[in-house]
Amino acid sequence: MRGETPQRPLPLGCKRPACRYLNPVITAPAAPTHTPAPIAVFDPGWLFLLAGLALLGATVLIPAADELSEVRLQRDRALVLEAHRVARISRYDDYLAALNREEPSLIMALAESQLNQIPQGRQPIIEQPQPLVGAPSGSASASVFAGLEPAPPTLPERVKTGSLLERWTTNDDTRPWLIAGGALCLLIGLLPKQR
C-alpha cells in the first residue's frame, strides 16, 4: 500500500468524494472575547495629528491672510487717492470751462484777486488776509488754486489683531520652530498605537 494514500474519515456533513482527501481541522470553541471600554479604544495619536495639522495650517494660512490684507489696504488707499484726483480734475475742468465761457462773476473775481482791480460801484470787503508762510505780514496769496482744491483725502488705516499666534506665524525667527513643532506632532500622531 505504498502508492495509496491513507483513507481519512470524512468531515461531518461532507458527502463529496473530494472531501476524503481534506485534513479536517478541529477547533476548540471560541472563548468569549472581552470588548474594551470605548475610552480604551481611543487612540491619543489623533490629538497629536489634529494639533499638528492645525499648527501647520496656521503657519501657512495666517501669513498669507496678513499679506492679503496688506494688499487690500494698498488697493483701498489707491482707490481713495484716485477718487481725490478725479474730484480735483473735475473742479479744474469746471473752472476752465467757466473761463472759456467768460462768466462775469469769475472774470470780476480774477480781476480783483490777480490785478487788484475793483469794479466801479463796489467797495472792497476789508478782511484780514491769510498770510503766506515766510511772507511778511499783511500779504495774502493771489492764487485761485487753493479754492479749487478738494478736501484732503483720509486714507484708511490697517487694524491688526495682534494675537500671539499671528505674531509667531509672521515672525521669521519663530516660524521655522512652529513648522518643526507641527511636523513633530504629525509624526507622533502617525505612529502606530501601542498594543
N, C-alpha and C. Protein backbone atom coordinates (compact mmCIF):
# COMPACT_ATOMS: atom_id res chain seq x y z
N MET A 1 0.79 -1.15 0.00
CA MET A 1 0.00 0.00 0.00
C MET A 1 0.85 1.24 0.00
N ARG A 2 1.86 1.05 -0.72
CA ARG A 2 2.77 2.18 -0.80
C ARG A 2 2.23 3.30 -1.67
N GLY A 3 1.63 3.11 -2.73
CA GLY A 3 1.16 4.13 -3.64
C GLY A 3 -0.16 4.73 -3.25
N GLU A 4 -0.83 4.09 -2.32
CA GLU A 4 -2.13 4.60 -1.95
C GLU A 4 -2.02 5.58 -0.79
N THR A 5 -2.88 6.55 -0.83
CA THR A 5 -2.94 7.49 0.29
C THR A 5 -3.84 6.90 1.34
N PRO A 6 -3.48 7.13 2.58
CA PRO A 6 -4.33 6.55 3.63
C PRO A 6 -5.70 7.21 3.66
N GLN A 7 -6.65 6.47 3.96
CA GLN A 7 -8.02 6.97 4.00
C GLN A 7 -8.27 7.64 5.34
N ARG A 8 -8.82 8.79 5.26
CA ARG A 8 -9.14 9.55 6.47
C ARG A 8 -10.65 9.56 6.62
N PRO A 9 -11.08 9.78 7.83
CA PRO A 9 -12.53 9.88 7.99
C PRO A 9 -13.05 11.17 7.38
N LEU A 10 -14.19 11.10 6.78
CA LEU A 10 -14.80 12.27 6.16
C LEU A 10 -15.29 13.24 7.25
N PRO A 11 -15.14 14.56 6.98
CA PRO A 11 -15.70 15.52 7.95
C PRO A 11 -17.22 15.41 7.97
N LEU A 12 -17.77 15.81 9.06
CA LEU A 12 -19.22 15.72 9.21
C LEU A 12 -19.90 16.60 8.18
N GLY A 13 -20.88 16.13 7.55
CA GLY A 13 -21.66 16.88 6.59
C GLY A 13 -21.06 16.90 5.20
N CYS A 14 -19.95 16.21 4.94
CA CYS A 14 -19.33 16.22 3.62
C CYS A 14 -19.66 14.91 2.93
N LYS A 15 -20.30 14.96 1.80
CA LYS A 15 -20.70 13.77 1.08
C LYS A 15 -19.94 13.64 -0.23
N ARG A 16 -19.11 14.60 -0.55
CA ARG A 16 -18.40 14.55 -1.83
C ARG A 16 -17.16 13.68 -1.72
N PRO A 17 -16.74 13.09 -2.83
CA PRO A 17 -15.53 12.26 -2.78
C PRO A 17 -14.27 13.08 -2.56
N ALA A 18 -14.26 14.37 -2.96
CA ALA A 18 -13.06 15.18 -2.78
C ALA A 18 -12.82 15.48 -1.33
N CYS A 19 -13.83 15.41 -0.53
CA CYS A 19 -13.69 15.74 0.89
C CYS A 19 -12.87 14.68 1.62
N ARG A 20 -12.74 13.51 1.07
CA ARG A 20 -11.99 12.49 1.79
C ARG A 20 -10.50 12.79 1.82
N TYR A 21 -10.02 13.63 0.90
CA TYR A 21 -8.60 13.97 0.89
C TYR A 21 -8.28 15.18 1.78
N LEU A 22 -9.27 15.85 2.28
CA LEU A 22 -9.05 17.01 3.14
C LEU A 22 -8.67 16.56 4.53
N ASN A 23 -7.83 17.37 5.15
CA ASN A 23 -7.45 17.10 6.53
C ASN A 23 -8.34 17.99 7.41
N PRO A 24 -9.28 17.41 8.06
CA PRO A 24 -10.17 18.24 8.85
C PRO A 24 -9.43 18.86 10.03
N VAL A 25 -9.70 20.14 10.26
CA VAL A 25 -9.10 20.84 11.39
C VAL A 25 -10.16 20.96 12.45
N ILE A 26 -9.81 20.45 13.57
CA ILE A 26 -10.77 20.50 14.67
C ILE A 26 -10.38 21.68 15.53
N THR A 27 -11.31 22.57 15.69
CA THR A 27 -11.03 23.74 16.51
C THR A 27 -11.85 23.69 17.76
N ALA A 28 -11.26 24.29 18.77
CA ALA A 28 -11.98 24.36 20.03
C ALA A 28 -12.99 25.50 19.95
N PRO A 29 -14.03 25.43 20.71
CA PRO A 29 -14.98 26.53 20.68
C PRO A 29 -14.30 27.82 21.13
N ALA A 30 -14.67 28.90 20.47
CA ALA A 30 -14.03 30.18 20.73
C ALA A 30 -14.40 30.67 22.12
N ALA A 31 -13.38 31.19 22.79
CA ALA A 31 -13.62 31.73 24.13
C ALA A 31 -14.30 33.09 23.97
N PRO A 32 -15.13 33.44 24.89
CA PRO A 32 -15.78 34.74 24.78
C PRO A 32 -14.73 35.86 24.84
N THR A 33 -14.83 36.78 23.88
CA THR A 33 -13.85 37.87 23.81
C THR A 33 -14.33 39.03 24.67
N HIS A 34 -13.39 39.67 25.30
CA HIS A 34 -13.71 40.82 26.14
C HIS A 34 -13.56 42.09 25.31
N THR A 35 -14.61 42.86 25.18
CA THR A 35 -14.52 44.11 24.42
C THR A 35 -14.12 45.23 25.38
N PRO A 36 -13.06 45.95 25.02
CA PRO A 36 -12.62 47.02 25.92
C PRO A 36 -13.59 48.20 25.90
N ALA A 37 -13.49 48.99 26.93
CA ALA A 37 -14.35 50.18 27.03
C ALA A 37 -14.01 51.15 25.90
N PRO A 38 -14.96 51.99 25.46
CA PRO A 38 -14.68 52.90 24.34
C PRO A 38 -13.51 53.84 24.61
N ILE A 39 -13.28 54.22 25.85
CA ILE A 39 -12.16 55.13 26.13
C ILE A 39 -10.83 54.41 25.93
N ALA A 40 -10.80 53.11 26.12
CA ALA A 40 -9.56 52.36 25.91
C ALA A 40 -9.27 52.20 24.43
N VAL A 41 -10.29 52.29 23.58
CA VAL A 41 -10.11 52.13 22.15
C VAL A 41 -9.60 53.43 21.52
N PHE A 42 -9.89 54.57 22.17
CA PHE A 42 -9.50 55.87 21.61
C PHE A 42 -7.98 55.98 21.54
N ASP A 43 -7.48 56.34 20.38
CA ASP A 43 -6.04 56.47 20.17
C ASP A 43 -5.65 57.94 20.37
N PRO A 44 -4.80 58.25 21.33
CA PRO A 44 -4.40 59.65 21.55
C PRO A 44 -3.57 60.22 20.41
N GLY A 45 -3.15 59.38 19.49
CA GLY A 45 -2.40 59.87 18.34
C GLY A 45 -3.21 60.83 17.48
N TRP A 46 -4.53 60.66 17.51
CA TRP A 46 -5.39 61.57 16.74
C TRP A 46 -5.27 63.01 17.23
N LEU A 47 -5.12 63.17 18.54
CA LEU A 47 -4.97 64.52 19.09
C LEU A 47 -3.70 65.17 18.56
N PHE A 48 -2.61 64.42 18.53
CA PHE A 48 -1.36 64.97 18.01
C PHE A 48 -1.48 65.26 16.51
N LEU A 49 -2.17 64.36 15.80
CA LEU A 49 -2.35 64.55 14.37
C LEU A 49 -3.15 65.82 14.08
N LEU A 50 -4.24 66.03 14.81
CA LEU A 50 -5.07 67.22 14.60
C LEU A 50 -4.33 68.49 15.02
N ALA A 51 -3.60 68.41 16.14
CA ALA A 51 -2.84 69.59 16.59
C ALA A 51 -1.74 69.94 15.59
N GLY A 52 -1.08 68.94 15.05
CA GLY A 52 -0.04 69.19 14.05
C GLY A 52 -0.60 69.80 12.78
N LEU A 53 -1.74 69.27 12.33
CA LEU A 53 -2.38 69.85 11.13
C LEU A 53 -2.82 71.28 11.37
N ALA A 54 -3.38 71.56 12.56
CA ALA A 54 -3.81 72.92 12.87
C ALA A 54 -2.62 73.87 12.95
N LEU A 55 -1.53 73.44 13.54
CA LEU A 55 -0.35 74.30 13.66
C LEU A 55 0.28 74.56 12.30
N LEU A 56 0.40 73.54 11.48
CA LEU A 56 0.95 73.74 10.14
C LEU A 56 0.01 74.60 9.27
N GLY A 57 -1.29 74.38 9.41
CA GLY A 57 -2.25 75.19 8.66
C GLY A 57 -2.19 76.65 9.06
N ALA A 58 -2.08 76.91 10.37
CA ALA A 58 -1.98 78.29 10.84
C ALA A 58 -0.68 78.93 10.38
N THR A 59 0.39 78.16 10.36
CA THR A 59 1.69 78.70 9.94
C THR A 59 1.68 79.07 8.46
N VAL A 60 0.88 78.39 7.68
CA VAL A 60 0.81 78.70 6.25
C VAL A 60 -0.25 79.76 5.95
N LEU A 61 -1.42 79.64 6.59
CA LEU A 61 -2.56 80.49 6.21
C LEU A 61 -2.53 81.89 6.83
N ILE A 62 -2.04 82.03 8.05
CA ILE A 62 -2.06 83.35 8.70
C ILE A 62 -1.14 84.34 7.98
N PRO A 63 0.12 83.98 7.63
CA PRO A 63 0.92 84.95 6.87
C PRO A 63 0.32 85.28 5.50
N ALA A 64 -0.31 84.31 4.87
CA ALA A 64 -0.95 84.59 3.57
C ALA A 64 -2.11 85.56 3.75
N ALA A 65 -2.90 85.38 4.80
CA ALA A 65 -4.01 86.30 5.07
C ALA A 65 -3.49 87.68 5.44
N ASP A 66 -2.35 87.73 6.13
CA ASP A 66 -1.74 89.01 6.50
C ASP A 66 -1.29 89.77 5.25
N GLU A 67 -0.67 89.07 4.33
CA GLU A 67 -0.25 89.71 3.08
C GLU A 67 -1.45 90.14 2.25
N LEU A 68 -2.51 89.33 2.26
CA LEU A 68 -3.72 89.69 1.53
C LEU A 68 -4.35 90.96 2.09
N SER A 69 -4.40 91.08 3.41
CA SER A 69 -4.99 92.29 4.00
C SER A 69 -4.11 93.51 3.72
N GLU A 70 -2.79 93.34 3.66
CA GLU A 70 -1.90 94.45 3.32
C GLU A 70 -2.13 94.91 1.88
N VAL A 71 -2.31 93.96 0.97
CA VAL A 71 -2.56 94.31 -0.43
C VAL A 71 -3.93 94.99 -0.57
N ARG A 72 -4.93 94.50 0.16
CA ARG A 72 -6.24 95.14 0.11
C ARG A 72 -6.20 96.57 0.66
N LEU A 73 -5.40 96.78 1.70
CA LEU A 73 -5.24 98.12 2.25
C LEU A 73 -4.60 99.05 1.21
N GLN A 74 -3.58 98.58 0.53
CA GLN A 74 -2.95 99.39 -0.50
C GLN A 74 -3.93 99.69 -1.64
N ARG A 75 -4.76 98.70 -1.99
CA ARG A 75 -5.77 98.93 -3.02
C ARG A 75 -6.78 99.97 -2.58
N ASP A 76 -7.25 99.89 -1.32
CA ASP A 76 -8.21 100.86 -0.81
C ASP A 76 -7.62 102.26 -0.78
N ARG A 77 -6.35 102.37 -0.39
CA ARG A 77 -5.68 103.67 -0.39
C ARG A 77 -5.58 104.22 -1.81
N ALA A 78 -5.24 103.36 -2.76
CA ALA A 78 -5.13 103.80 -4.15
C ALA A 78 -6.49 104.27 -4.67
N LEU A 79 -7.58 103.58 -4.28
CA LEU A 79 -8.91 104.00 -4.71
C LEU A 79 -9.30 105.35 -4.12
N VAL A 80 -8.94 105.60 -2.85
CA VAL A 80 -9.23 106.90 -2.23
C VAL A 80 -8.45 108.00 -2.93
N LEU A 81 -7.17 107.73 -3.21
CA LEU A 81 -6.36 108.74 -3.91
C LEU A 81 -6.87 108.98 -5.32
N GLU A 82 -7.32 107.93 -5.99
CA GLU A 82 -7.86 108.10 -7.33
C GLU A 82 -9.13 108.95 -7.30
N ALA A 83 -10.01 108.70 -6.33
CA ALA A 83 -11.24 109.49 -6.21
C ALA A 83 -10.90 110.95 -5.93
N HIS A 84 -9.87 111.19 -5.12
CA HIS A 84 -9.44 112.57 -4.84
C HIS A 84 -8.92 113.23 -6.11
N ARG A 85 -8.13 112.52 -6.87
CA ARG A 85 -7.58 113.08 -8.12
C ARG A 85 -8.70 113.36 -9.14
N VAL A 86 -9.67 112.47 -9.21
CA VAL A 86 -10.79 112.67 -10.14
C VAL A 86 -11.60 113.90 -9.74
N ALA A 87 -11.83 114.08 -8.43
CA ALA A 87 -12.56 115.26 -7.96
C ALA A 87 -11.77 116.53 -8.26
N ARG A 88 -10.47 116.46 -8.10
CA ARG A 88 -9.60 117.62 -8.38
C ARG A 88 -9.65 117.98 -9.87
N ILE A 89 -9.53 116.97 -10.72
CA ILE A 89 -9.58 117.21 -12.17
C ILE A 89 -10.94 117.76 -12.57
N SER A 90 -12.00 117.25 -11.97
CA SER A 90 -13.34 117.74 -12.27
C SER A 90 -13.49 119.21 -11.89
N ARG A 91 -12.95 119.61 -10.74
CA ARG A 91 -13.03 121.02 -10.34
C ARG A 91 -12.23 121.91 -11.29
N TYR A 92 -11.07 121.45 -11.67
CA TYR A 92 -10.26 122.24 -12.61
C TYR A 92 -10.93 122.33 -13.98
N ASP A 93 -11.57 121.25 -14.42
CA ASP A 93 -12.30 121.28 -15.70
C ASP A 93 -13.45 122.28 -15.63
N ASP A 94 -14.17 122.29 -14.51
CA ASP A 94 -15.27 123.26 -14.35
C ASP A 94 -14.74 124.69 -14.37
N TYR A 95 -13.61 124.91 -13.72
CA TYR A 95 -13.01 126.25 -13.69
C TYR A 95 -12.58 126.67 -15.10
N LEU A 96 -11.97 125.75 -15.83
CA LEU A 96 -11.54 126.06 -17.19
C LEU A 96 -12.74 126.33 -18.10
N ALA A 97 -13.79 125.55 -17.93
CA ALA A 97 -15.00 125.77 -18.74
C ALA A 97 -15.62 127.14 -18.43
N ALA A 98 -15.60 127.55 -17.15
CA ALA A 98 -16.13 128.86 -16.77
C ALA A 98 -15.26 129.97 -17.35
N LEU A 99 -13.96 129.75 -17.40
CA LEU A 99 -13.06 130.74 -18.01
C LEU A 99 -13.32 130.85 -19.51
N ASN A 100 -13.53 129.72 -20.16
CA ASN A 100 -13.79 129.72 -21.60
C ASN A 100 -15.13 130.38 -21.92
N ARG A 101 -16.11 130.25 -21.03
CA ARG A 101 -17.41 130.89 -21.24
C ARG A 101 -17.38 132.37 -20.85
N GLU A 102 -16.30 132.79 -20.23
CA GLU A 102 -16.11 134.17 -19.75
C GLU A 102 -17.27 134.61 -18.85
N GLU A 103 -17.51 133.84 -17.83
CA GLU A 103 -18.56 134.18 -16.88
C GLU A 103 -18.18 135.47 -16.16
N PRO A 104 -19.10 136.41 -16.06
CA PRO A 104 -18.77 137.71 -15.48
C PRO A 104 -18.32 137.64 -14.01
N SER A 105 -18.95 136.79 -13.23
CA SER A 105 -18.56 136.71 -11.81
C SER A 105 -17.13 136.20 -11.67
N LEU A 106 -16.75 135.25 -12.51
CA LEU A 106 -15.39 134.72 -12.46
C LEU A 106 -14.39 135.76 -12.95
N ILE A 107 -14.72 136.49 -14.00
CA ILE A 107 -13.81 137.50 -14.53
C ILE A 107 -13.60 138.60 -13.49
N MET A 108 -14.66 139.04 -12.80
CA MET A 108 -14.52 140.06 -11.77
C MET A 108 -13.69 139.55 -10.60
N ALA A 109 -13.91 138.28 -10.21
CA ALA A 109 -13.14 137.72 -9.09
C ALA A 109 -11.67 137.62 -9.45
N LEU A 110 -11.38 137.26 -10.69
CA LEU A 110 -9.99 137.19 -11.12
C LEU A 110 -9.36 138.58 -11.17
N ALA A 111 -10.10 139.57 -11.66
CA ALA A 111 -9.57 140.93 -11.73
C ALA A 111 -9.30 141.46 -10.33
N GLU A 112 -10.19 141.12 -9.38
CA GLU A 112 -9.98 141.59 -8.01
C GLU A 112 -8.76 140.91 -7.38
N SER A 113 -8.65 139.59 -7.54
CA SER A 113 -7.58 138.88 -6.85
C SER A 113 -6.24 138.98 -7.56
N GLN A 114 -6.24 138.93 -8.87
CA GLN A 114 -4.99 138.89 -9.61
C GLN A 114 -4.47 140.30 -9.96
N LEU A 115 -5.36 141.21 -10.32
CA LEU A 115 -4.93 142.53 -10.80
C LEU A 115 -5.19 143.64 -9.78
N ASN A 116 -5.78 143.29 -8.65
CA ASN A 116 -6.12 144.27 -7.61
C ASN A 116 -7.02 145.37 -8.16
N GLN A 117 -7.94 145.02 -8.98
CA GLN A 117 -8.88 145.99 -9.56
C GLN A 117 -10.27 145.71 -9.01
N ILE A 118 -10.95 146.78 -8.64
CA ILE A 118 -12.30 146.66 -8.12
C ILE A 118 -13.24 147.33 -9.11
N PRO A 119 -14.32 146.68 -9.49
CA PRO A 119 -15.25 147.31 -10.44
C PRO A 119 -15.89 148.57 -9.84
N GLN A 120 -16.33 149.45 -10.71
CA GLN A 120 -16.95 150.69 -10.27
C GLN A 120 -18.27 150.38 -9.56
N GLY A 121 -18.54 151.08 -8.53
CA GLY A 121 -19.77 150.90 -7.77
C GLY A 121 -19.66 149.84 -6.69
N ARG A 122 -18.52 149.28 -6.51
CA ARG A 122 -18.32 148.27 -5.46
C ARG A 122 -17.25 148.75 -4.51
N GLN A 123 -17.37 148.28 -3.29
CA GLN A 123 -16.36 148.62 -2.30
C GLN A 123 -15.66 147.32 -1.89
N PRO A 124 -14.38 147.40 -1.57
CA PRO A 124 -13.68 146.18 -1.14
C PRO A 124 -14.14 145.77 0.26
N ILE A 125 -14.23 144.50 0.43
CA ILE A 125 -14.54 143.96 1.75
C ILE A 125 -13.22 143.85 2.48
N ILE A 126 -13.11 144.56 3.57
CA ILE A 126 -11.85 144.56 4.30
C ILE A 126 -11.88 143.37 5.25
N GLU A 127 -10.98 142.49 5.05
CA GLU A 127 -10.85 141.31 5.90
C GLU A 127 -9.38 141.05 6.12
N GLN A 128 -9.10 140.34 7.12
CA GLN A 128 -7.71 140.02 7.41
C GLN A 128 -7.27 138.92 6.44
N PRO A 129 -6.31 139.21 5.61
CA PRO A 129 -5.85 138.17 4.69
C PRO A 129 -5.06 137.10 5.42
N GLN A 130 -5.09 135.90 4.85
CA GLN A 130 -4.29 134.81 5.41
C GLN A 130 -2.85 135.00 4.95
N PRO A 131 -1.91 135.20 5.90
CA PRO A 131 -0.53 135.41 5.49
C PRO A 131 0.08 134.13 4.95
N LEU A 132 0.97 134.29 4.00
CA LEU A 132 1.71 133.15 3.46
C LEU A 132 2.80 132.77 4.44
N VAL A 133 3.19 131.53 4.39
CA VAL A 133 4.25 131.06 5.26
C VAL A 133 5.56 131.70 4.80
N GLY A 134 6.24 132.38 5.69
CA GLY A 134 7.52 133.00 5.36
C GLY A 134 7.37 134.35 4.68
N ALA A 135 6.15 134.84 4.44
CA ALA A 135 5.94 136.13 3.79
C ALA A 135 5.73 137.20 4.86
N PRO A 136 6.00 138.44 4.52
CA PRO A 136 5.76 139.49 5.51
C PRO A 136 4.28 139.57 5.85
N SER A 137 3.98 140.04 7.06
CA SER A 137 2.58 140.09 7.49
C SER A 137 1.81 141.09 6.65
N GLY A 138 0.54 140.77 6.42
CA GLY A 138 -0.30 141.62 5.61
C GLY A 138 -0.36 141.20 4.15
N SER A 139 0.41 140.21 3.74
CA SER A 139 0.37 139.75 2.35
C SER A 139 -0.44 138.47 2.28
N ALA A 140 -1.23 138.31 1.23
CA ALA A 140 -2.07 137.13 1.05
C ALA A 140 -1.77 136.52 -0.30
N SER A 141 -2.16 135.29 -0.44
CA SER A 141 -1.95 134.59 -1.69
C SER A 141 -2.95 135.08 -2.73
N ALA A 142 -2.45 135.33 -3.92
CA ALA A 142 -3.33 135.74 -5.02
C ALA A 142 -3.71 134.55 -5.87
N SER A 143 -3.35 133.36 -5.46
CA SER A 143 -3.63 132.16 -6.24
C SER A 143 -5.10 131.76 -6.10
N VAL A 144 -5.68 131.36 -7.20
CA VAL A 144 -7.07 130.90 -7.18
C VAL A 144 -7.13 129.38 -6.98
N PHE A 145 -6.00 128.74 -6.98
CA PHE A 145 -5.98 127.28 -6.95
C PHE A 145 -6.32 126.71 -5.57
N ALA A 146 -6.11 127.50 -4.52
CA ALA A 146 -6.44 126.99 -3.19
C ALA A 146 -7.94 126.75 -3.05
N GLY A 147 -8.75 127.58 -3.70
CA GLY A 147 -10.20 127.38 -3.66
C GLY A 147 -10.67 126.24 -4.55
N LEU A 148 -9.84 125.83 -5.49
CA LEU A 148 -10.23 124.74 -6.39
C LEU A 148 -9.91 123.36 -5.81
N GLU A 149 -9.00 123.32 -4.86
CA GLU A 149 -8.57 122.02 -4.34
C GLU A 149 -9.65 121.38 -3.49
N PRO A 150 -9.92 120.07 -3.68
CA PRO A 150 -10.86 119.38 -2.79
C PRO A 150 -10.23 119.15 -1.42
N ALA A 151 -11.04 118.76 -0.48
CA ALA A 151 -10.53 118.48 0.87
C ALA A 151 -9.51 117.34 0.80
N PRO A 152 -8.49 117.37 1.64
CA PRO A 152 -7.50 116.28 1.59
C PRO A 152 -8.15 114.94 1.92
N PRO A 153 -7.69 113.90 1.25
CA PRO A 153 -8.32 112.59 1.47
C PRO A 153 -7.88 112.00 2.81
N THR A 154 -8.76 111.21 3.39
CA THR A 154 -8.42 110.46 4.60
C THR A 154 -8.18 109.01 4.17
N LEU A 155 -6.96 108.57 4.35
CA LEU A 155 -6.57 107.23 3.92
C LEU A 155 -6.94 106.21 4.98
N PRO A 156 -7.42 105.05 4.55
CA PRO A 156 -7.75 104.00 5.54
C PRO A 156 -6.49 103.47 6.21
N GLU A 157 -6.65 103.13 7.47
CA GLU A 157 -5.54 102.57 8.24
C GLU A 157 -5.76 101.09 8.49
N ARG A 158 -4.67 100.39 8.71
CA ARG A 158 -4.76 98.96 8.95
C ARG A 158 -4.92 98.70 10.44
N VAL A 159 -5.82 97.78 10.76
CA VAL A 159 -6.05 97.40 12.14
C VAL A 159 -5.56 95.96 12.30
N LYS A 160 -4.56 95.78 13.14
CA LYS A 160 -4.03 94.43 13.39
C LYS A 160 -4.64 93.88 14.67
N THR A 161 -4.86 92.57 14.67
CA THR A 161 -5.41 91.95 15.87
C THR A 161 -4.34 91.79 16.93
N GLY A 162 -3.12 91.49 16.53
CA GLY A 162 -2.01 91.39 17.48
C GLY A 162 -2.06 90.15 18.35
N SER A 163 -2.65 89.07 17.88
CA SER A 163 -2.68 87.85 18.68
C SER A 163 -1.29 87.21 18.72
N LEU A 164 -1.09 86.38 19.70
CA LEU A 164 0.20 85.72 19.87
C LEU A 164 0.49 84.79 18.69
N LEU A 165 -0.53 84.06 18.24
CA LEU A 165 -0.33 83.14 17.12
C LEU A 165 0.02 83.92 15.85
N GLU A 166 -0.61 85.07 15.64
CA GLU A 166 -0.29 85.88 14.46
C GLU A 166 1.14 86.40 14.52
N ARG A 167 1.57 86.83 15.70
CA ARG A 167 2.96 87.31 15.84
C ARG A 167 3.95 86.18 15.60
N TRP A 168 3.65 84.99 16.11
CA TRP A 168 4.57 83.86 15.93
C TRP A 168 4.63 83.41 14.48
N THR A 169 3.50 83.38 13.80
CA THR A 169 3.50 82.86 12.43
C THR A 169 4.04 83.86 11.42
N THR A 170 4.01 85.15 11.73
CA THR A 170 4.55 86.14 10.80
C THR A 170 5.98 86.53 11.12
N ASN A 171 6.52 86.08 12.25
CA ASN A 171 7.90 86.38 12.62
C ASN A 171 8.83 85.36 11.96
N ASP A 172 9.88 85.84 11.33
CA ASP A 172 10.80 84.93 10.62
C ASP A 172 11.64 84.09 11.58
N ASP A 173 11.75 84.51 12.84
CA ASP A 173 12.55 83.73 13.80
C ASP A 173 11.76 82.58 14.40
N THR A 174 10.47 82.77 14.64
CA THR A 174 9.68 81.73 15.30
C THR A 174 8.93 80.83 14.33
N ARG A 175 8.78 81.26 13.10
CA ARG A 175 8.01 80.48 12.13
C ARG A 175 8.63 79.10 11.85
N PRO A 176 9.95 78.97 11.66
CA PRO A 176 10.50 77.61 11.46
C PRO A 176 10.28 76.69 12.65
N TRP A 177 10.27 77.24 13.87
CA TRP A 177 10.02 76.42 15.05
C TRP A 177 8.58 75.92 15.06
N LEU A 178 7.66 76.74 14.60
CA LEU A 178 6.26 76.29 14.53
C LEU A 178 6.10 75.19 13.48
N ILE A 179 6.78 75.33 12.37
CA ILE A 179 6.71 74.29 11.33
C ILE A 179 7.30 72.98 11.86
N ALA A 180 8.43 73.08 12.56
CA ALA A 180 9.05 71.87 13.12
C ALA A 180 8.15 71.25 14.19
N GLY A 181 7.53 72.07 15.04
CA GLY A 181 6.63 71.54 16.06
C GLY A 181 5.40 70.87 15.44
N GLY A 182 4.85 71.48 14.39
CA GLY A 182 3.71 70.87 13.71
C GLY A 182 4.08 69.56 13.04
N ALA A 183 5.27 69.51 12.44
CA ALA A 183 5.72 68.26 11.81
C ALA A 183 5.96 67.18 12.85
N LEU A 184 6.50 67.55 14.02
CA LEU A 184 6.71 66.58 15.09
C LEU A 184 5.38 66.05 15.61
N CYS A 185 4.40 66.92 15.77
CA CYS A 185 3.07 66.45 16.20
C CYS A 185 2.47 65.50 15.16
N LEU A 186 2.65 65.80 13.88
CA LEU A 186 2.16 64.89 12.84
C LEU A 186 2.84 63.54 12.92
N LEU A 187 4.15 63.56 13.14
CA LEU A 187 4.89 62.30 13.24
C LEU A 187 4.40 61.48 14.43
N ILE A 188 4.23 62.12 15.57
CA ILE A 188 3.74 61.40 16.76
C ILE A 188 2.33 60.87 16.52
N GLY A 189 1.50 61.67 15.84
CA GLY A 189 0.15 61.22 15.57
C GLY A 189 0.07 60.06 14.60
N LEU A 190 1.05 59.95 13.72
CA LEU A 190 1.03 58.86 12.73
C LEU A 190 1.69 57.58 13.22
N LEU A 191 2.34 57.62 14.38
CA LEU A 191 2.95 56.39 14.92
C LEU A 191 1.86 55.39 15.26
N PRO A 192 2.13 54.09 15.08
CA PRO A 192 1.10 53.09 15.39
C PRO A 192 0.80 53.03 16.89
N LYS A 193 -0.39 52.60 17.20
CA LYS A 193 -0.83 52.51 18.58
C LYS A 193 -0.08 51.38 19.29
N GLN A 194 0.29 51.64 20.54
CA GLN A 194 0.98 50.61 21.31
C GLN A 194 -0.02 49.54 21.74
N ARG A 195 0.40 48.28 21.65
CA ARG A 195 -0.52 47.18 21.98
C ARG A 195 -0.33 46.72 23.39
